[in-house]
Protein backbone atom coordinates (compact mmCIF):
# COMPACT_ATOMS: atom_id res chain seq x y z
CA MET A 1 4.68 -66.16 3.40
CA TRP A 2 4.97 -66.90 7.34
CA HIS A 3 8.49 -64.98 7.19
CA SER A 4 6.73 -62.21 5.78
CA ALA A 5 3.95 -62.34 8.23
CA VAL A 6 6.13 -62.40 11.29
CA ALA A 7 8.48 -59.41 9.75
CA ASN A 8 5.34 -57.00 9.55
CA SER A 9 4.23 -58.20 12.97
CA THR A 10 5.51 -55.99 16.04
CA CYS A 11 5.45 -58.88 18.40
CA VAL A 12 5.42 -62.49 18.94
CA PRO A 13 3.35 -64.93 21.10
CA ASP A 14 6.17 -65.23 23.92
CA ASP A 15 9.72 -65.33 23.95
CA TYR A 16 10.38 -68.95 22.74
CA ALA A 17 8.45 -67.82 19.60
CA ASN A 18 11.74 -65.56 19.07
CA SER A 19 13.78 -68.95 18.64
CA SER A 20 12.65 -69.67 15.34
CA TYR A 21 9.98 -69.46 12.50
CA ALA A 22 8.97 -72.95 13.47
CA GLU A 23 8.62 -72.36 16.95
CA ASP A 24 6.69 -68.92 16.30
CA PHE A 25 4.38 -70.80 14.44
CA ALA A 26 3.73 -73.30 16.89
CA GLN A 27 2.99 -70.93 18.91
CA MET A 28 0.75 -68.78 16.51
CA GLU A 29 -0.98 -72.38 16.10
CA VAL A 30 -1.97 -72.39 19.72
CA MET A 31 -3.29 -68.93 19.73
CA TYR A 32 -5.33 -69.50 16.46
CA ASN A 33 -6.83 -72.68 17.70
CA TYR A 34 -7.72 -70.85 21.10
CA ARG A 35 -9.49 -68.10 19.31
CA LEU A 36 -11.15 -70.67 16.77
CA HIS A 37 -13.11 -72.35 19.61
CA LYS A 38 -13.16 -70.18 22.54
CA LYS A 39 -14.14 -67.25 20.10
CA SER A 40 -11.94 -64.46 22.05
CA PHE A 41 -8.10 -63.23 21.59
CA PRO A 42 -6.00 -61.10 24.11
CA LYS A 43 -6.80 -57.57 23.66
CA LYS A 44 -2.83 -56.69 23.88
CA ALA A 45 -2.39 -59.04 20.88
CA GLY A 46 -3.24 -56.89 17.99
CA CYS A 47 0.11 -56.61 17.29
CA LEU A 48 0.08 -60.38 16.12
CA SER A 49 -2.53 -59.71 13.45
CA ARG A 50 -0.35 -60.42 10.61
CA GLN A 51 0.64 -63.75 11.50
CA MET A 52 -3.39 -64.57 12.31
CA ASP A 53 -4.37 -63.30 9.20
CA VAL A 54 -2.36 -65.76 7.48
CA MET A 55 -3.74 -68.75 10.19
CA LYS A 56 -7.33 -67.44 9.41
CA GLY A 57 -6.93 -67.36 5.56
CA ASN A 58 -5.24 -71.01 4.87
CA ALA A 59 -7.45 -73.25 4.09
CA ARG A 60 -5.48 -76.07 5.36
CA ILE A 61 -4.55 -74.69 8.43
CA ARG A 62 -8.56 -73.99 8.93
CA ASP A 63 -9.45 -77.61 8.10
CA ALA A 64 -7.05 -79.08 10.50
CA ASN A 65 -8.57 -77.07 13.30
CA THR A 66 -12.18 -77.55 12.54
CA ARG A 67 -11.93 -81.46 11.59
CA LYS A 68 -13.02 -84.04 14.31
CA LYS A 69 -11.33 -86.51 13.31
CA CYS A 70 -7.39 -86.22 12.04
CA ASN A 71 -6.54 -86.32 8.22
CA ALA A 72 -2.94 -86.73 7.79
CA SER A 73 -3.17 -86.39 4.11
CA LYS A 74 -4.09 -82.30 4.80
CA ARG A 75 -1.49 -81.71 6.94
CA PRO A 76 -1.12 -77.78 7.24
CA PHE A 77 2.40 -77.79 7.64
CA TYR A 78 3.01 -79.00 4.43
CA LEU A 79 1.91 -76.24 2.49
């Protein structure tokens, strides 16, 4: 799922995200969390929409980002 989203995006969050899928996911997590809490997203980031759709569409990722306390049994990277 993630590899497909990256392949169908026309950009990555930053140069470091190009080093691996894991780093791309980590950088997207930062962007998703910022968008979730600040209600904004850089206007030029539309090229990341496929990856952002995966972040928004995954209940475990949403849950991890909206909880007030850590729930180790629901870590989003164990998809």
